[in-house]
Amino acid sequence: MTKILAFAGSNSKDSINKQLAVYASGLIEDADVTVLDLNDFELPIFSKHYEKSHGVPENAMSFLNYIKQSDGIVLSLAENNAAYSAVFKNLFDWMSRAEAKLFYGKPMLLMATSPGRRGGISVLTMAKERFPRHDAQIVADFSLPSFESNFSNGEITNPDLDNELKRKVELFEKQL
């Protein structure tokens, strides 16, 4: 069975990006999905001085192991001030210190959503530029605008957007 790792680049307890990641990963047929919550991987703020004194924290190494053990990644990024959330950036920094090519060539469905009409497009654009340098194989990307208007009861309610995501999931599945 295919192992899928799904998570949001957010530490919000009611993360809309986590809801989107859970929905999208649930569309993948014959998959064993592991959903991670960044709140379970508390890390100190990255600094070279901390790393020199203490090494890379165990929680960063643990998250890397989840990536290594997966066959594919479903990631939905929260957007804060047109960039990654601080918690995701910190995790990303720590993992990249341990392993520069931290995505291990795994197929990735990269997404973002937000309450606004742009649907996290700024962070999505940033990640599409950056992640391949860390060995991400971004197979498809998806932006869900106006989350509250287009998502309810665990699914996308706008038929056009839902069909678009389903097409992206199919592309992702073909690469697993």
C-alpha atoms as a PDB file:
ATOM      1  CA  MET A   1       0.000   0.000   0.000  1.00  0.00           C
ATOM      2  CA  THR A   2       1.221   3.485  -0.855  1.00  0.00           C
ATOM      3  CA  LYS A   3       2.338   5.567   2.137  1.00  0.00           C
ATOM      4  CA  ILE A   4       1.260   9.197   1.984  1.00  0.00           C
ATOM      5  CA  LEU A   5       2.445  11.878   4.380  1.00  0.00           C
ATOM      6  CA  ALA A   6      -0.018  14.776   4.712  1.00  0.00           C
ATOM      7  CA  PHE A   7       0.485  17.943   6.725  1.00  0.00           C
ATOM      8  CA  ALA A   8      -0.091  21.672   6.810  1.00  0.00           C
ATOM      9  CA  GLY A   9       2.576  24.313   7.119  1.00  0.00           C
ATOM     10  CA  SER A  10       0.710  25.715  10.100  1.00  0.00           C
ATOM     11  CA  ASN A  11       0.428  25.311  13.849  1.00  0.00           C
ATOM     12  CA  SER A  12      -3.131  26.599  14.051  1.00  0.00           C
ATOM     13  CA  LYS A  13      -5.292  24.244  16.101  1.00  0.00           C
ATOM     14  CA  ASP A  14      -8.075  24.583  13.510  1.00  0.00           C
ATOM     15  CA  SER A  15      -5.837  25.013  10.474  1.00  0.00           C
ATOM     16  CA  ILE A  16      -7.718  25.457   7.223  1.00  0.00           C
ATOM     17  CA  ASN A  17      -4.625  24.172   5.437  1.00  0.00           C
ATOM     18  CA  LYS A  18      -4.661  20.998   7.498  1.00  0.00           C
ATOM     19  CA  GLN A  19      -8.324  20.543   6.591  1.00  0.00           C
ATOM     20  CA  LEU A  20      -7.417  20.876   2.906  1.00  0.00           C
ATOM     21  CA  ALA A  21      -4.477  18.451   3.234  1.00  0.00           C
ATOM     22  CA  VAL A  22      -6.695  15.878   4.963  1.00  0.00           C
ATOM     23  CA  TYR A  23      -9.369  16.221   2.281  1.00  0.00           C
ATOM     24  CA  ALA A  24      -6.903  15.945  -0.614  1.00  0.00           C
ATOM     25  CA  SER A  25      -5.040  12.981   0.878  1.00  0.00           C
ATOM     26  CA  GLY A  26      -8.366  11.239   1.455  1.00  0.00           C
ATOM     27  CA  LEU A  27      -8.982  11.321  -2.304  1.00  0.00           C
ATOM     28  CA  ILE A  28      -5.965   9.101  -2.967  1.00  0.00           C
ATOM     29  CA  GLU A  29      -6.988   5.513  -3.609  1.00  0.00           C
ATOM     30  CA  ASP A  30      -5.346   2.571  -1.839  1.00  0.00           C
ATOM     31  CA  ALA A  31      -3.195   4.760   0.377  1.00  0.00           C
ATOM     32  CA  ASP A  32      -2.087   4.578   3.966  1.00  0.00           C
ATOM     33  CA  VAL A  33      -2.202   8.248   4.978  1.00  0.00           C
ATOM     34  CA  THR A  34      -0.292   9.644   7.944  1.00  0.00           C
ATOM     35  CA  VAL A  35      -1.412  13.148   8.912  1.00  0.00           C
ATOM     36  CA  LEU A  36       1.113  15.078  10.968  1.00  0.00           C
ATOM     37  CA  ASP A  37       0.500  18.184  13.071  1.00  0.00           C
ATOM     38  CA  LEU A  38       3.392  20.617  13.456  1.00  0.00           C
ATOM     39  CA  ASN A  39       2.316  21.164  17.061  1.00  0.00           C
ATOM     40  CA  ASP A  40       3.632  17.675  17.787  1.00  0.00           C
ATOM     41  CA  PHE A  41       7.125  18.669  16.624  1.00  0.00           C
ATOM     42  CA  GLU A  42       8.081  21.543  18.902  1.00  0.00           C
ATOM     43  CA  LEU A  43      11.461  23.021  18.014  1.00  0.00           C
ATOM     44  CA  PRO A  44      13.695  25.812  19.293  1.00  0.00           C
ATOM     45  CA  ILE A  45      14.113  28.766  16.966  1.00  0.00           C
ATOM     46  CA  PHE A  46      16.827  27.872  14.497  1.00  0.00           C
ATOM     47  CA  SER A  47      20.285  29.302  15.137  1.00  0.00           C
ATOM     48  CA  LYS A  48      23.751  28.108  14.205  1.00  0.00           C
ATOM     49  CA  HIS A  49      24.814  28.651  17.810  1.00  0.00           C
ATOM     50  CA  TYR A  50      22.111  26.341  19.132  1.00  0.00           C
ATOM     51  CA  GLU A  51      22.982  23.777  16.478  1.00  0.00           C
ATOM     52  CA  LYS A  52      26.683  23.935  17.380  1.00  0.00           C
ATOM     53  CA  SER A  53      25.907  23.405  21.081  1.00  0.00           C
ATOM     54  CA  HIS A  54      23.067  20.893  20.819  1.00  0.00           C
ATOM     55  CA  GLY A  55      22.970  19.509  17.271  1.00  0.00           C
ATOM     56  CA  VAL A  56      19.830  19.184  15.176  1.00  0.00           C
ATOM     57  CA  PRO A  57      16.814  18.640  17.462  1.00  0.00           C
ATOM     58  CA  GLU A  58      15.271  15.183  17.583  1.00  0.00           C
ATOM     59  CA  ASN A  59      11.868  16.510  16.437  1.00  0.00           C
ATOM     60  CA  ALA A  60      13.394  17.754  13.170  1.00  0.00           C
ATOM     61  CA  MET A  61      15.035  14.366  12.637  1.00  0.00           C
ATOM     62  CA  SER A  62      11.766  12.609  13.430  1.00  0.00           C
ATOM     63  CA  PHE A  63       9.891  14.697  10.854  1.00  0.00           C
ATOM     64  CA  LEU A  64      12.583  13.891   8.272  1.00  0.00           C
ATOM     65  CA  ASN A  65      12.078  10.201   8.992  1.00  0.00           C
ATOM     66  CA  TYR A  66       8.380  10.528   8.226  1.00  0.00           C
ATOM     67  CA  ILE A  67       9.302  12.083   4.879  1.00  0.00           C
ATOM     68  CA  LYS A  68      11.856   9.334   4.163  1.00  0.00           C
ATOM     69  CA  GLN A  69       9.354   6.596   4.942  1.00  0.00           C
ATOM     70  CA  SER A  70       6.624   8.037   2.718  1.00  0.00           C
ATOM     71  CA  ASP A  71       6.003   7.386  -0.958  1.00  0.00           C
ATOM     72  CA  GLY A  72       4.517  10.845  -1.494  1.00  0.00           C
ATOM     73  CA  ILE A  73       3.776  14.125   0.261  1.00  0.00           C
ATOM     74  CA  VAL A  74       0.576  16.166   0.409  1.00  0.00           C
ATOM     75  CA  LEU A  75       1.426  19.580   1.827  1.00  0.00           C
ATOM     76  CA  SER A  76      -0.803  22.622   2.197  1.00  0.00           C
ATOM     77  CA  LEU A  77       1.031  25.773   3.223  1.00  0.00           C
ATOM     78  CA  ALA A  78      -0.386  28.514   5.390  1.00  0.00           C
ATOM     79  CA  GLU A  79       0.478  32.011   4.210  1.00  0.00           C
ATOM     80  CA  ASN A  80       1.581  34.632   6.718  1.00  0.00           C
ATOM     81  CA  ASN A  81       2.474  38.036   5.297  1.00  0.00           C
ATOM     82  CA  ALA A  82       2.907  36.477   1.820  1.00  0.00           C
ATOM     83  CA  ALA A  83       5.414  33.889   3.090  1.00  0.00           C
ATOM     84  CA  TYR A  84       5.675  30.613   5.025  1.00  0.00           C
ATOM     85  CA  SER A  85       4.343  30.537   8.554  1.00  0.00           C
ATOM     86  CA  ALA A  86       7.077  30.937  11.179  1.00  0.00           C
ATOM     87  CA  VAL A  87       6.562  27.401  12.500  1.00  0.00           C
ATOM     88  CA  PHE A  88       6.941  25.844   9.044  1.00  0.00           C
ATOM     89  CA  LYS A  89       9.976  27.979   8.165  1.00  0.00           C
ATOM     90  CA  ASN A  90      11.642  26.975  11.424  1.00  0.00           C
ATOM     91  CA  LEU A  91      10.998  23.263  10.789  1.00  0.00           C
ATOM     92  CA  PHE A  92      12.198  23.664   7.189  1.00  0.00           C
ATOM     93  CA  ASP A  93      15.404  25.381   8.374  1.00  0.00           C
ATOM     94  CA  TRP A  94      16.149  22.668  10.931  1.00  0.00           C
ATOM     95  CA  MET A  95      15.469  19.814   8.517  1.00  0.00           C
ATOM     96  CA  SER A  96      17.605  21.399   5.804  1.00  0.00           C
ATOM     97  CA  ARG A  97      20.530  21.570   8.258  1.00  0.00           C
ATOM     98  CA  ALA A  98      20.299  17.821   8.758  1.00  0.00           C
ATOM     99  CA  GLU A  99      19.588  16.956   5.126  1.00  0.00           C
ATOM    100  CA  ALA A 100      19.838  19.592   2.371  1.00  0.00           C
ATOM    101  CA  LYS A 101      17.772  17.467  -0.038  1.00  0.00           C
ATOM    102  CA  LEU A 102      15.091  17.006   2.600  1.00  0.00           C
ATOM    103  CA  PHE A 103      12.256  15.970   0.293  1.00  0.00           C
ATOM    104  CA  TYR A 104      14.189  12.950  -1.051  1.00  0.00           C
ATOM    105  CA  GLY A 105      12.694  13.200  -4.544  1.00  0.00           C
ATOM    106  CA  LYS A 106       9.254  12.226  -3.242  1.00  0.00           C
ATOM    107  CA  PRO A 107       6.291  13.202  -5.422  1.00  0.00           C
ATOM    108  CA  MET A 108       4.505  16.157  -3.869  1.00  0.00           C
ATOM    109  CA  LEU A 109       1.039  17.629  -4.180  1.00  0.00           C
ATOM    110  CA  LEU A 110       1.649  21.212  -3.061  1.00  0.00           C
ATOM    111  CA  MET A 111      -1.298  23.337  -2.006  1.00  0.00           C
ATOM    112  CA  ALA A 112      -2.322  26.461  -0.160  1.00  0.00           C
ATOM    113  CA  THR A 113      -5.550  28.024   0.971  1.00  0.00           C
ATOM    114  CA  SER A 114      -6.534  31.187   2.784  1.00  0.00           C
ATOM    115  CA  PRO A 115      -9.642  33.131   3.719  1.00  0.00           C
ATOM    116  CA  GLY A 116      -8.836  35.585   0.917  1.00  0.00           C
ATOM    117  CA  ARG A 117      -9.437  35.456  -2.814  1.00  0.00           C
ATOM    118  CA  ARG A 118      -5.764  34.788  -3.610  1.00  0.00           C
ATOM    119  CA  GLY A 119      -5.811  31.459  -1.771  1.00  0.00           C
ATOM    120  CA  GLY A 120      -2.224  31.601  -0.518  1.00  0.00           C
ATOM    121  CA  ILE A 121      -0.817  32.041  -4.011  1.00  0.00           C
ATOM    122  CA  SER A 122       2.198  34.029  -2.763  1.00  0.00           C
ATOM    123  CA  VAL A 123       3.462  31.247  -0.489  1.00  0.00           C
ATOM    124  CA  LEU A 124       2.636  28.664  -3.144  1.00  0.00           C
ATOM    125  CA  THR A 125       4.743  30.552  -5.693  1.00  0.00           C
ATOM    126  CA  MET A 126       7.597  30.849  -3.195  1.00  0.00           C
ATOM    127  CA  ALA A 127       7.510  27.115  -2.424  1.00  0.00           C
ATOM    128  CA  LYS A 128       7.339  26.112  -6.099  1.00  0.00           C
ATOM    129  CA  GLU A 129      10.551  28.072  -6.626  1.00  0.00           C
ATOM    130  CA  ARG A 130      12.323  26.855  -3.477  1.00  0.00           C
ATOM    131  CA  PHE A 131      11.319  23.249  -2.836  1.00  0.00           C
ATOM    132  CA  PRO A 132      12.852  21.693  -5.987  1.00  0.00           C
ATOM    133  CA  ARG A 133      16.247  22.869  -4.705  1.00  0.00           C
ATOM    134  CA  HIS A 134      15.591  20.566  -1.762  1.00  0.00           C
ATOM    135  CA  ASP A 135      14.718  17.625  -4.022  1.00  0.00           C
ATOM    136  CA  ALA A 136      10.932  18.028  -4.056  1.00  0.00           C
ATOM    137  CA  GLN A 137       9.256  16.569  -7.098  1.00  0.00           C
ATOM    138  CA  ILE A 138       6.234  18.862  -7.270  1.00  0.00           C
ATOM    139  CA  VAL A 139       3.810  16.905  -9.430  1.00  0.00           C
ATOM    140  CA  ALA A 140       0.868  19.271  -9.081  1.00  0.00           C
ATOM    141  CA  ASP A 141      -0.126  22.382  -7.179  1.00  0.00           C
ATOM    142  CA  PHE A 142      -3.473  23.761  -6.119  1.00  0.00           C
ATOM    143  CA  SER A 143      -4.731  26.979  -4.577  1.00  0.00           C
ATOM    144  CA  LEU A 144      -8.114  27.163  -2.867  1.00  0.00           C
ATOM    145  CA  PRO A 145      -9.315  30.767  -2.610  1.00  0.00           C
ATOM    146  CA  SER A 146     -11.860  32.050  -0.094  1.00  0.00           C
ATOM    147  CA  PHE A 147     -11.757  28.989   2.138  1.00  0.00           C
ATOM    148  CA  GLU A 148     -14.930  29.746   4.103  1.00  0.00           C
ATOM    149  CA  SER A 149     -16.951  30.133   0.894  1.00  0.00           C
ATOM    150  CA  ASN A 150     -15.527  27.058  -0.847  1.00  0.00           C
ATOM    151  CA  PHE A 151     -15.017  24.440   1.894  1.00  0.00           C
ATOM    152  CA  SER A 152     -17.508  22.983   4.353  1.00  0.00           C
ATOM    153  CA  ASN A 153     -17.984  19.750   6.304  1.00  0.00           C
ATOM    154  CA  GLY A 154     -14.575  18.440   5.311  1.00  0.00           C
ATOM    155  CA  GLU A 155     -14.818  18.962   1.558  1.00  0.00           C
ATOM    156  CA  ILE A 156     -14.632  21.517  -1.223  1.00  0.00           C
ATOM    157  CA  THR A 157     -18.137  22.762  -2.011  1.00  0.00           C
ATOM    158  CA  ASN A 158     -17.374  24.605  -5.245  1.00  0.00           C
ATOM    159  CA  PRO A 159     -17.734  21.924  -7.968  1.00  0.00           C
ATOM    160  CA  ASP A 160     -15.238  23.561 -10.344  1.00  0.00           C
ATOM    161  CA  LEU A 161     -12.557  23.849  -7.668  1.00  0.00           C
ATOM    162  CA  ASP A 162     -13.295  20.353  -6.401  1.00  0.00           C
ATOM    163  CA  ASN A 163     -12.899  18.909  -9.892  1.00  0.00           C
ATOM    164  CA  GLU A 164      -9.668  20.853 -10.356  1.00  0.00           C
ATOM    165  CA  LEU A 165      -8.251  19.380  -7.149  1.00  0.00           C
ATOM    166  CA  LYS A 166      -9.385  15.882  -8.147  1.00  0.00           C
ATOM    167  CA  ARG A 167      -7.504  16.252 -11.462  1.00  0.00           C
ATOM    168  CA  LYS A 168      -4.391  17.326  -9.530  1.00  0.00           C
ATOM    169  CA  VAL A 169      -4.729  14.342  -7.195  1.00  0.00           C
ATOM    170  CA  GLU A 170      -4.915  12.037 -10.231  1.00  0.00           C
ATOM    171  CA  LEU A 171      -1.666  13.527 -11.558  1.00  0.00           C
ATOM    172  CA  PHE A 172      -0.085  13.001  -8.160  1.00  0.00           C
ATOM    173  CA  GLU A 173      -1.310   9.378  -7.948  1.00  0.00           C
ATOM    174  CA  LYS A 174       0.278   8.570 -11.314  1.00  0.00           C
ATOM    175  CA  GLN A 175       3.689   9.495  -9.898  1.00  0.00           C
ATOM    176  CA  LEU A 176       3.460   7.290  -6.812  1.00  0.00           C
END
